Amino acid sequence: MKRYRSLEERLRLYDEVMRLKGLGLGYKRVARIIEEMYGVRLNPGMICNWVRGRYHPLERCNRLVEGPRLAYVIGGWLGDGSLSEDDDNYKLLYTALL
């Protein structure tokens, strides 16, 4: 089973990677320094994706996705506070919100 680092650790590593990359160091050198400083092995490809903005440590955190499901939940919460798992009620509420 794959173990994920804590959010605090990921953010600390991300900030350090960005600081080191800002000094003009290459991806492999940054990975080596991170391993020496924190004892954590980072893939240079992942460092590249962080630096280029393709990935961010906060990606797995509660991100709101706009759409009909969010409208349904907000409508239920602001209405009577109940949510139904019935697809028909979901469709009726969604069309009422439009």
PDB file of N, CA and C in Angstrom:
ATOM      1  N   MET A   1       0.843  -1.180   0.000  1.00  0.00           N
ATOM      2  CA  MET A   1       0.000   0.000   0.000  1.00  0.00           C
ATOM      3  C   MET A   1       0.887   1.241   0.000  1.00  0.00           C
ATOM      4  N   LYS A   2       0.554   2.190  -0.847  1.00  0.00           N
ATOM      5  CA  LYS A   2       1.344   3.397  -0.986  1.00  0.00           C
ATOM      6  C   LYS A   2       1.029   4.368   0.157  1.00  0.00           C
ATOM      7  N   ARG A   3       2.075   4.886   0.800  1.00  0.00           N
ATOM      8  CA  ARG A   3       1.901   5.817   1.897  1.00  0.00           C
ATOM      9  C   ARG A   3       2.096   7.240   1.380  1.00  0.00           C
ATOM     10  N   TYR A   4       1.146   8.090   1.713  1.00  0.00           N
ATOM     11  CA  TYR A   4       1.248   9.482   1.331  1.00  0.00           C
ATOM     12  C   TYR A   4       1.810  10.283   2.490  1.00  0.00           C
ATOM     13  N   ARG A   5       2.619  11.246   2.162  1.00  0.00           N
ATOM     14  CA  ARG A   5       3.171  12.114   3.196  1.00  0.00           C
ATOM     15  C   ARG A   5       2.082  13.038   3.709  1.00  0.00           C
ATOM     16  N   SER A   6       2.273  13.530   4.924  1.00  0.00           N
ATOM     17  CA  SER A   6       1.295  14.461   5.492  1.00  0.00           C
ATOM     18  C   SER A   6       1.301  15.750   4.678  1.00  0.00           C
ATOM     19  N   LEU A   7       0.226  16.483   4.781  1.00  0.00           N
ATOM     20  CA  LEU A   7       0.110  17.741   4.048  1.00  0.00           C
ATOM     21  C   LEU A   7       1.208  18.707   4.461  1.00  0.00           C
ATOM     22  N   GLU A   8       1.478  18.784   5.749  1.00  0.00           N
ATOM     23  CA  GLU A   8       2.535  19.685   6.227  1.00  0.00           C
ATOM     24  C   GLU A   8       3.883  19.330   5.615  1.00  0.00           C
ATOM     25  N   GLU A   9       4.181  18.042   5.565  1.00  0.00           N
ATOM     26  CA  GLU A   9       5.456  17.607   5.003  1.00  0.00           C
ATOM     27  C   GLU A   9       5.524  17.905   3.505  1.00  0.00           C
ATOM     28  N   ARG A  10       4.445  17.630   2.798  1.00  0.00           N
ATOM     29  CA  ARG A  10       4.425  17.911   1.356  1.00  0.00           C
ATOM     30  C   ARG A  10       4.615  19.392   1.075  1.00  0.00           C
ATOM     31  N   LEU A  11       3.953  20.250   1.858  1.00  0.00           N
ATOM     32  CA  LEU A  11       4.077  21.694   1.648  1.00  0.00           C
ATOM     33  C   LEU A  11       5.490  22.179   1.993  1.00  0.00           C
ATOM     34  N   ARG A  12       6.079  21.618   3.051  1.00  0.00           N
ATOM     35  CA  ARG A  12       7.443  21.992   3.426  1.00  0.00           C
ATOM     36  C   ARG A  12       8.419  21.605   2.315  1.00  0.00           C
ATOM     37  N   LEU A  13       8.270  20.387   1.793  1.00  0.00           N
ATOM     38  CA  LEU A  13       9.134  19.939   0.702  1.00  0.00           C
ATOM     39  C   LEU A  13       8.920  20.778  -0.549  1.00  0.00           C
ATOM     40  N   TYR A  14       7.664  21.086  -0.846  1.00  0.00           N
ATOM     41  CA  TYR A  14       7.348  21.900  -2.026  1.00  0.00           C
ATOM     42  C   TYR A  14       8.017  23.273  -1.922  1.00  0.00           C
ATOM     43  N   ASP A  15       7.879  23.911  -0.763  1.00  0.00           N
ATOM     44  CA  ASP A  15       8.483  25.234  -0.579  1.00  0.00           C
ATOM     45  C   ASP A  15       9.994  25.176  -0.718  1.00  0.00           C
ATOM     46  N   GLU A  16      10.604  24.138  -0.164  1.00  0.00           N
ATOM     47  CA  GLU A  16      12.055  23.996  -0.259  1.00  0.00           C
ATOM     48  C   GLU A  16      12.487  23.735  -1.699  1.00  0.00           C
ATOM     49  N   VAL A  17      11.742  22.910  -2.411  1.00  0.00           N
ATOM     50  CA  VAL A  17      12.051  22.643  -3.823  1.00  0.00           C
ATOM     51  C   VAL A  17      11.968  23.934  -4.630  1.00  0.00           C
ATOM     52  N   MET A  18      10.924  24.702  -4.406  1.00  0.00           N
ATOM     53  CA  MET A  18      10.768  25.946  -5.169  1.00  0.00           C
ATOM     54  C   MET A  18      11.876  26.949  -4.831  1.00  0.00           C
ATOM     55  N   ARG A  19      12.288  26.979  -3.561  1.00  0.00           N
ATOM     56  CA  ARG A  19      13.373  27.878  -3.155  1.00  0.00           C
ATOM     57  C   ARG A  19      14.685  27.474  -3.841  1.00  0.00           C
ATOM     58  N   LEU A  20      14.979  26.171  -3.809  1.00  0.00           N
ATOM     59  CA  LEU A  20      16.214  25.684  -4.420  1.00  0.00           C
ATOM     60  C   LEU A  20      16.206  25.887  -5.934  1.00  0.00           C
ATOM     61  N   LYS A  21      15.069  25.634  -6.548  1.00  0.00           N
ATOM     62  CA  LYS A  21      14.978  25.817  -8.003  1.00  0.00           C
ATOM     63  C   LYS A  21      15.123  27.294  -8.359  1.00  0.00           C
ATOM     64  N   GLY A  22      14.622  28.164  -7.480  1.00  0.00           N
ATOM     65  CA  GLY A  22      14.777  29.599  -7.690  1.00  0.00           C
ATOM     66  C   GLY A  22      16.228  30.054  -7.649  1.00  0.00           C
ATOM     67  N   LEU A  23      17.081  29.264  -7.013  1.00  0.00           N
ATOM     68  CA  LEU A  23      18.508  29.559  -6.980  1.00  0.00           C
ATOM     69  C   LEU A  23      19.210  29.115  -8.257  1.00  0.00           C
ATOM     70  N   GLY A  24      18.456  28.495  -9.166  1.00  0.00           N
ATOM     71  CA  GLY A  24      19.020  28.085 -10.450  1.00  0.00           C
ATOM     72  C   GLY A  24      19.567  26.674 -10.476  1.00  0.00           C
ATOM     73  N   LEU A  25      19.262  25.867  -9.475  1.00  0.00           N
ATOM     74  CA  LEU A  25      19.751  24.493  -9.445  1.00  0.00           C
ATOM     75  C   LEU A  25      18.911  23.598 -10.349  1.00  0.00           C
ATOM     76  N   GLY A  26      19.521  22.546 -10.852  1.00  0.00           N
ATOM     77  CA  GLY A  26      18.810  21.595 -11.703  1.00  0.00           C
ATOM     78  C   GLY A  26      17.952  20.640 -10.878  1.00  0.00           C
ATOM     79  N   TYR A  27      17.077  19.911 -11.556  1.00  0.00           N
ATOM     80  CA  TYR A  27      16.143  19.006 -10.883  1.00  0.00           C
ATOM     81  C   TYR A  27      16.861  17.907 -10.102  1.00  0.00           C
ATOM     82  N   LYS A  28      17.885  17.295 -10.704  1.00  0.00           N
ATOM     83  CA  LYS A  28      18.605  16.212 -10.025  1.00  0.00           C
ATOM     84  C   LYS A  28      19.358  16.748  -8.807  1.00  0.00           C
ATOM     85  N   ARG A  29      19.911  17.929  -8.939  1.00  0.00           N
ATOM     86  CA  ARG A  29      20.637  18.518  -7.807  1.00  0.00           C
ATOM     87  C   ARG A  29      19.678  18.865  -6.675  1.00  0.00           C
ATOM     88  N   VAL A  30      18.517  19.398  -7.027  1.00  0.00           N
ATOM     89  CA  VAL A  30      17.503  19.706  -6.016  1.00  0.00           C
ATOM     90  C   VAL A  30      17.095  18.422  -5.303  1.00  0.00           C
ATOM     91  N   ALA A  31      16.879  17.350  -6.053  1.00  0.00           N
ATOM     92  CA  ALA A  31      16.478  16.063  -5.462  1.00  0.00           C
ATOM     93  C   ALA A  31      17.555  15.563  -4.501  1.00  0.00           C
ATOM     94  N   ARG A  32      18.825  15.712  -4.881  1.00  0.00           N
ATOM     95  CA  ARG A  32      19.925  15.278  -4.025  1.00  0.00           C
ATOM     96  C   ARG A  32      19.973  16.091  -2.728  1.00  0.00           C
ATOM     97  N   ILE A  33      19.795  17.404  -2.833  1.00  0.00           N
ATOM     98  CA  ILE A  33      19.826  18.268  -1.649  1.00  0.00           C
ATOM     99  C   ILE A  33      18.669  17.953  -0.715  1.00  0.00           C
ATOM    100  N   ILE A  34      17.475  17.747  -1.267  1.00  0.00           N
ATOM    101  CA  ILE A  34      16.305  17.405  -0.444  1.00  0.00           C
ATOM    102  C   ILE A  34      16.556  16.096   0.299  1.00  0.00           C
ATOM    103  N   GLU A  35      17.144  15.130  -0.392  1.00  0.00           N
ATOM    104  CA  GLU A  35      17.422  13.844   0.255  1.00  0.00           C
ATOM    105  C   GLU A  35      18.444  14.018   1.382  1.00  0.00           C
ATOM    106  N   GLU A  36      19.458  14.843   1.167  1.00  0.00           N
ATOM    107  CA  GLU A  36      20.463  15.082   2.200  1.00  0.00           C
ATOM    108  C   GLU A  36      19.877  15.825   3.397  1.00  0.00           C
ATOM    109  N   MET A  37      19.034  16.823   3.130  1.00  0.00           N
ATOM    110  CA  MET A  37      18.486  17.661   4.199  1.00  0.00           C
ATOM    111  C   MET A  37      17.391  16.967   4.991  1.00  0.00           C
ATOM    112  N   TYR A  38      16.461  16.297   4.286  1.00  0.00           N
ATOM    113  CA  TYR A  38      15.257  15.753   4.922  1.00  0.00           C
ATOM    114  C   TYR A  38      15.195  14.228   4.931  1.00  0.00           C
ATOM    115  N   GLY A  39      16.108  13.570   4.218  1.00  0.00           N
ATOM    116  CA  GLY A  39      16.069  12.111   4.149  1.00  0.00           C
ATOM    117  C   GLY A  39      14.909  11.593   3.313  1.00  0.00           C
ATOM    118  N   VAL A  40      14.408  12.418   2.415  1.00  0.00           N
ATOM    119  CA  VAL A  40      13.267  12.066   1.568  1.00  0.00           C
ATOM    120  C   VAL A  40      13.732  12.054   0.117  1.00  0.00           C
ATOM    121  N   ARG A  41      13.467  10.942  -0.553  1.00  0.00           N
ATOM    122  CA  ARG A  41      13.844  10.849  -1.969  1.00  0.00           C
ATOM    123  C   ARG A  41      12.702  11.363  -2.830  1.00  0.00           C
ATOM    124  N   LEU A  42      12.981  12.364  -3.624  1.00  0.00           N
ATOM    125  CA  LEU A  42      12.007  12.910  -4.558  1.00  0.00           C
ATOM    126  C   LEU A  42      12.473  12.617  -5.974  1.00  0.00           C
ATOM    127  N   ASN A  43      11.554  12.244  -6.816  1.00  0.00           N
ATOM    128  CA  ASN A  43      11.826  11.984  -8.219  1.00  0.00           C
ATOM    129  C   ASN A  43      12.059  13.327  -8.926  1.00  0.00           C
ATOM    130  N   PRO A  44      13.144  13.463  -9.697  1.00  0.00           N
ATOM    131  CA  PRO A  44      13.360  14.708 -10.434  1.00  0.00           C
ATOM    132  C   PRO A  44      12.199  15.060 -11.370  1.00  0.00           C
ATOM    133  N   GLY A  45      11.495  14.034 -11.875  1.00  0.00           N
ATOM    134  CA  GLY A  45      10.322  14.291 -12.723  1.00  0.00           C
ATOM    135  C   GLY A  45       9.206  14.965 -11.954  1.00  0.00           C
ATOM    136  N   MET A  46       9.019  14.554 -10.689  1.00  0.00           N
ATOM    137  CA  MET A  46       8.001  15.198  -9.866  1.00  0.00           C
ATOM    138  C   MET A  46       8.403  16.633  -9.543  1.00  0.00           C
ATOM    139  N   ILE A  47       9.669  16.837  -9.300  1.00  0.00           N
ATOM    140  CA  ILE A  47      10.155  18.198  -9.049  1.00  0.00           C
ATOM    141  C   ILE A  47       9.898  19.067 -10.275  1.00  0.00           C
ATOM    142  N   CYS A  48      10.142  18.524 -11.444  1.00  0.00           N
ATOM    143  CA  CYS A  48       9.876  19.246 -12.690  1.00  0.00           C
ATOM    144  C   CYS A  48       8.404  19.618 -12.799  1.00  0.00           C
ATOM    145  N   ASN A  49       7.524  18.676 -12.475  1.00  0.00           N
ATOM    146  CA  ASN A  49       6.082  18.948 -12.539  1.00  0.00           C
ATOM    147  C   ASN A  49       5.663  20.003 -11.520  1.00  0.00           C
ATOM    148  N   TRP A  50       6.274  20.010 -10.338  1.00  0.00           N
ATOM    149  CA  TRP A  50       5.978  21.041  -9.339  1.00  0.00           C
ATOM    150  C   TRP A  50       6.412  22.409  -9.856  1.00  0.00           C
ATOM    151  N   VAL A  51       7.631  22.468 -10.384  1.00  0.00           N
ATOM    152  CA  VAL A  51       8.181  23.746 -10.832  1.00  0.00           C
ATOM    153  C   VAL A  51       7.384  24.306 -12.014  1.00  0.00           C
ATOM    154  N   ARG A  52       6.972  23.451 -12.913  1.00  0.00           N
ATOM    155  CA  ARG A  52       6.222  23.898 -14.092  1.00  0.00           C
ATOM    156  C   ARG A  52       4.737  24.130 -13.820  1.00  0.00           C
ATOM    157  N   GLY A  53       4.301  23.832 -12.599  1.00  0.00           N
ATOM    158  CA  GLY A  53       2.917  24.090 -12.225  1.00  0.00           C
ATOM    159  C   GLY A  53       1.927  23.025 -12.650  1.00  0.00           C
ATOM    160  N   ARG A  54       2.411  21.866 -13.056  1.00  0.00           N
ATOM    161  CA  ARG A  54       1.505  20.783 -13.461  1.00  0.00           C
ATOM    162  C   ARG A  54       0.845  20.119 -12.264  1.00  0.00           C
ATOM    163  N   TYR A  55       1.566  20.042 -11.158  1.00  0.00           N
ATOM    164  CA  TYR A  55       1.064  19.436  -9.938  1.00  0.00           C
ATOM    165  C   TYR A  55       1.374  20.348  -8.763  1.00  0.00           C
ATOM    166  N   HIS A  56       0.575  20.202  -7.715  1.00  0.00           N
ATOM    167  CA  HIS A  56       0.774  20.972  -6.492  1.00  0.00           C
ATOM    168  C   HIS A  56       0.421  20.060  -5.318  1.00  0.00           C
ATOM    169  N   PRO A  57       1.111  20.196  -4.187  1.00  0.00           N
ATOM    170  CA  PRO A  57       0.824  19.329  -3.042  1.00  0.00           C
ATOM    171  C   PRO A  57      -0.610  19.420  -2.528  1.00  0.00           C
ATOM    172  N   LEU A  58      -1.292  20.500  -2.805  1.00  0.00           N
ATOM    173  CA  LEU A  58      -2.665  20.660  -2.317  1.00  0.00           C
ATOM    174  C   LEU A  58      -3.702  20.009  -3.225  1.00  0.00           C
ATOM    175  N   GLU A  59      -3.272  19.311  -4.269  1.00  0.00           N
ATOM    176  CA  GLU A  59      -4.234  18.744  -5.215  1.00  0.00           C
ATOM    177  C   GLU A  59      -5.171  17.722  -4.607  1.00  0.00           C
ATOM    178  N   ARG A  60      -4.741  17.004  -3.601  1.00  0.00           N
ATOM    179  CA  ARG A  60      -5.584  15.978  -2.985  1.00  0.00           C
ATOM    180  C   ARG A  60      -6.468  16.538  -1.881  1.00  0.00           C
ATOM    181  N   CYS A  61      -6.395  17.818  -1.647  1.00  0.00           N
ATOM    182  CA  CYS A  61      -7.191  18.438  -0.582  1.00  0.00           C
ATOM    183  C   CYS A  61      -8.534  18.890  -1.137  1.00  0.00           C
ATOM    184  N   ASN A  62      -9.469  19.030  -0.276  1.00  0.00           N
ATOM    185  CA  ASN A  62     -10.861  19.344  -0.619  1.00  0.00           C
ATOM    186  C   ASN A  62     -10.993  20.459  -1.644  1.00  0.00           C
ATOM    187  N   ARG A  63     -11.115  20.075  -2.877  1.00  0.00           N
ATOM    188  CA  ARG A  63     -11.294  21.038  -3.950  1.00  0.00           C
ATOM    189  C   ARG A  63     -12.751  20.993  -4.395  1.00  0.00           C
ATOM    190  N   LEU A  64     -13.378  22.156  -4.474  1.00  0.00           N
ATOM    191  CA  LEU A  64     -14.766  22.206  -4.925  1.00  0.00           C
ATOM    192  C   LEU A  64     -14.804  22.153  -6.441  1.00  0.00           C
ATOM    193  N   VAL A  65     -15.651  21.303  -6.956  1.00  0.00           N
ATOM    194  CA  VAL A  65     -15.815  21.174  -8.391  1.00  0.00           C
ATOM    195  C   VAL A  65     -17.213  21.687  -8.729  1.00  0.00           C
ATOM    196  N   GLU A  66     -17.254  22.771  -9.492  1.00  0.00           N
ATOM    197  CA  GLU A  66     -18.548  23.332  -9.855  1.00  0.00           C
ATOM    198  C   GLU A  66     -19.284  22.377 -10.782  1.00  0.00           C
ATOM    199  N   GLY A  67     -20.585  22.310 -10.596  1.00  0.00           N
ATOM    200  CA  GLY A  67     -21.380  21.442 -11.437  1.00  0.00           C
ATOM    201  C   GLY A  67     -22.694  21.126 -10.771  1.00  0.00           C
ATOM    202  N   PRO A  68     -23.467  20.237 -11.382  1.00  0.00           N
ATOM    203  CA  PRO A  68     -24.789  19.921 -10.855  1.00  0.00           C
ATOM    204  C   PRO A  68     -24.754  19.269  -9.476  1.00  0.00           C
ATOM    205  N   ARG A  69     -23.751  18.480  -9.187  1.00  0.00           N
ATOM    206  CA  ARG A  69     -23.685  17.828  -7.878  1.00  0.00           C
ATOM    207  C   ARG A  69     -23.446  18.843  -6.766  1.00  0.00           C
ATOM    208  N   LEU A  70     -22.591  19.825  -7.029  1.00  0.00           N
ATOM    209  CA  LEU A  70     -22.358  20.872  -6.041  1.00  0.00           C
ATOM    210  C   LEU A  70     -23.627  21.690  -5.843  1.00  0.00           C
ATOM    211  N   ALA A  71     -24.336  21.995  -6.920  1.00  0.00           N
ATOM    212  CA  ALA A  71     -25.587  22.746  -6.815  1.00  0.00           C
ATOM    213  C   ALA A  71     -26.612  21.966  -5.998  1.00  0.00           C
ATOM    214  N   TYR A  72     -26.638  20.657  -6.171  1.00  0.00           N
ATOM    215  CA  TYR A  72     -27.568  19.822  -5.425  1.00  0.00           C
ATOM    216  C   TYR A  72     -27.266  19.868  -3.929  1.00  0.00           C
ATOM    217  N   VAL A  73     -26.004  19.732  -3.583  1.00  0.00           N
ATOM    218  CA  VAL A  73     -25.613  19.730  -2.169  1.00  0.00           C
ATOM    219  C   VAL A  73     -25.878  21.089  -1.539  1.00  0.00           C
ATOM    220  N   ILE A  74     -25.537  22.156  -2.220  1.00  0.00           N
ATOM    221  CA  ILE A  74     -25.781  23.497  -1.684  1.00  0.00           C
ATOM    222  C   ILE A  74     -27.276  23.742  -1.541  1.00  0.00           C
ATOM    223  N   GLY A  75     -28.047  23.315  -2.525  1.00  0.00           N
ATOM    224  CA  GLY A  75     -29.498  23.477  -2.452  1.00  0.00           C
ATOM    225  C   GLY A  75     -30.103  22.727  -1.274  1.00  0.00           C
ATOM    226  N   GLY A  76     -29.633  21.508  -1.052  1.00  0.00           N
ATOM    227  CA  GLY A  76     -30.124  20.725   0.083  1.00  0.00           C
ATOM    228  C   GLY A  76     -29.720  21.339   1.408  1.00  0.00           C
ATOM    229  N   TRP A  77     -28.514  21.839   1.468  1.00  0.00           N
ATOM    230  CA  TRP A  77     -28.016  22.435   2.704  1.00  0.00           C
ATOM    231  C   TRP A  77     -28.742  23.735   3.031  1.00  0.00           C
ATOM    232  N   LEU A  78     -28.970  24.554   2.014  1.00  0.00           N
ATOM    233  CA  LEU A  78     -29.666  25.828   2.237  1.00  0.00           C
ATOM    234  C   LEU A  78     -31.175  25.643   2.364  1.00  0.00           C
ATOM    235  N   GLY A  79     -31.695  24.550   1.832  1.00  0.00           N
ATOM    236  CA  GLY A  79     -33.132  24.288   1.908  1.00  0.00           C
ATOM    237  C   GLY A  79     -33.501  23.728   3.264  1.00  0.00           C
ATOM    238  N   ASP A  80     -33.945  22.488   3.276  1.00  0.00           N
ATOM    239  CA  ASP A  80     -34.366  21.870   4.535  1.00  0.00           C
ATOM    240  C   ASP A  80     -33.252  21.067   5.196  1.00  0.00           C
ATOM    241  N   GLY A  81     -32.069  21.077   4.607  1.00  0.00           N
ATOM    242  CA  GLY A  81     -30.933  20.395   5.215  1.00  0.00           C
ATOM    243  C   GLY A  81     -30.848  18.922   4.921  1.00  0.00           C
ATOM    244  N   SER A  82     -31.732  18.394   4.093  1.00  0.00           N
ATOM    245  CA  SER A  82     -31.689  16.969   3.796  1.00  0.00           C
ATOM    246  C   SER A  82     -31.235  16.739   2.360  1.00  0.00           C
ATOM    247  N   LEU A  83     -30.567  15.637   2.160  1.00  0.00           N
ATOM    248  CA  LEU A  83     -30.114  15.256   0.830  1.00  0.00           C
ATOM    249  C   LEU A  83     -30.681  13.878   0.531  1.00  0.00           C
ATOM    250  N   SER A  84     -31.166  13.701  -0.665  1.00  0.00           N
ATOM    251  CA  SER A  84     -31.748  12.431  -1.068  1.00  0.00           C
ATOM    252  C   SER A  84     -30.820  11.776  -2.071  1.00  0.00           C
ATOM    253  N   GLU A  85     -30.733  10.455  -2.009  1.00  0.00           N
ATOM    254  CA  GLU A  85     -29.915   9.726  -2.967  1.00  0.00           C
ATOM    255  C   GLU A  85     -30.719   9.329  -4.199  1.00  0.00           C
ATOM    256  N   ASP A  86     -31.955   9.708  -4.249  1.00  0.00           N
ATOM    257  CA  ASP A  86     -32.818   9.363  -5.366  1.00  0.00           C
ATOM    258  C   ASP A  86     -32.479  10.230  -6.572  1.00  0.00           C
ATOM    259  N   ASP A  87     -32.231   9.616  -7.717  1.00  0.00           N
ATOM    260  CA  ASP A  87     -31.863  10.369  -8.915  1.00  0.00           C
ATOM    261  C   ASP A  87     -32.967  11.318  -9.364  1.00  0.00           C
ATOM    262  N   ASP A  88     -34.227  10.939  -9.183  1.00  0.00           N
ATOM    263  CA  ASP A  88     -35.324  11.801  -9.617  1.00  0.00           C
ATOM    264  C   ASP A  88     -35.334  13.109  -8.826  1.00  0.00           C
ATOM    265  N   ASN A  89     -35.166  13.020  -7.520  1.00  0.00           N
ATOM    266  CA  ASN A  89     -35.115  14.234  -6.703  1.00  0.00           C
ATOM    267  C   ASN A  89     -33.918  15.093  -7.068  1.00  0.00           C
ATOM    268  N   TYR A  90     -32.813  14.455  -7.370  1.00  0.00           N
ATOM    269  CA  TYR A  90     -31.604  15.170  -7.769  1.00  0.00           C
ATOM    270  C   TYR A  90     -31.872  15.970  -9.040  1.00  0.00           C
ATOM    271  N   LYS A  91     -32.510  15.329 -10.029  1.00  0.00           N
ATOM    272  CA  LYS A  91     -32.801  16.007 -11.296  1.00  0.00           C
ATOM    273  C   LYS A  91     -33.788  17.135 -11.101  1.00  0.00           C
ATOM    274  N   LEU A  92     -34.807  16.930 -10.269  1.00  0.00           N
ATOM    275  CA  LEU A  92     -35.787  17.986 -10.024  1.00  0.00           C
ATOM    276  C   LEU A  92     -35.142  19.197  -9.354  1.00  0.00           C
ATOM    277  N   LEU A  93     -34.316  18.958  -8.356  1.00  0.00           N
ATOM    278  CA  LEU A  93     -33.660  20.043  -7.659  1.00  0.00           C
ATOM    279  C   LEU A  93     -32.687  20.762  -8.600  1.00  0.00           C
ATOM    280  N   TYR A  94     -31.957  20.011  -9.391  1.00  0.00           N
ATOM    281  CA  TYR A  94     -30.990  20.605 -10.301  1.00  0.00           C
ATOM    282  C   TYR A  94     -31.701  21.499 -11.321  1.00  0.00           C
ATOM    283  N   THR A  95     -32.809  21.049 -11.888  1.00  0.00           N
ATOM    284  CA  THR A  95     -33.511  21.863 -12.875  1.00  0.00           C
ATOM    285  C   THR A  95     -34.132  23.075 -12.217  1.00  0.00           C
ATOM    286  N   ALA A  96     -34.509  22.961 -10.949  1.00  0.00           N
ATOM    287  CA  ALA A  96     -35.079  24.114 -10.237  1.00  0.00           C
ATOM    288  C   ALA A  96     -34.011  25.171  -9.994  1.00  0.00           C
ATOM    289  N   LEU A  97     -32.759  24.748  -9.848  1.00  0.00           N
ATOM    290  CA  LEU A  97     -31.686  25.709  -9.611  1.00  0.00           C
ATOM    291  C   LEU A  97     -31.279  26.445 -10.874  1.00  0.00           C
ATOM    292  N   LEU A  98     -31.581  25.886 -12.012  1.00  0.00           N
ATOM    293  CA  LEU A  98     -31.223  26.560 -13.265  1.00  0.00           C
ATOM    294  C   LEU A  98     -32.190  27.642 -13.531  1.00  0.00           C
TER     295      LEU A  98
END
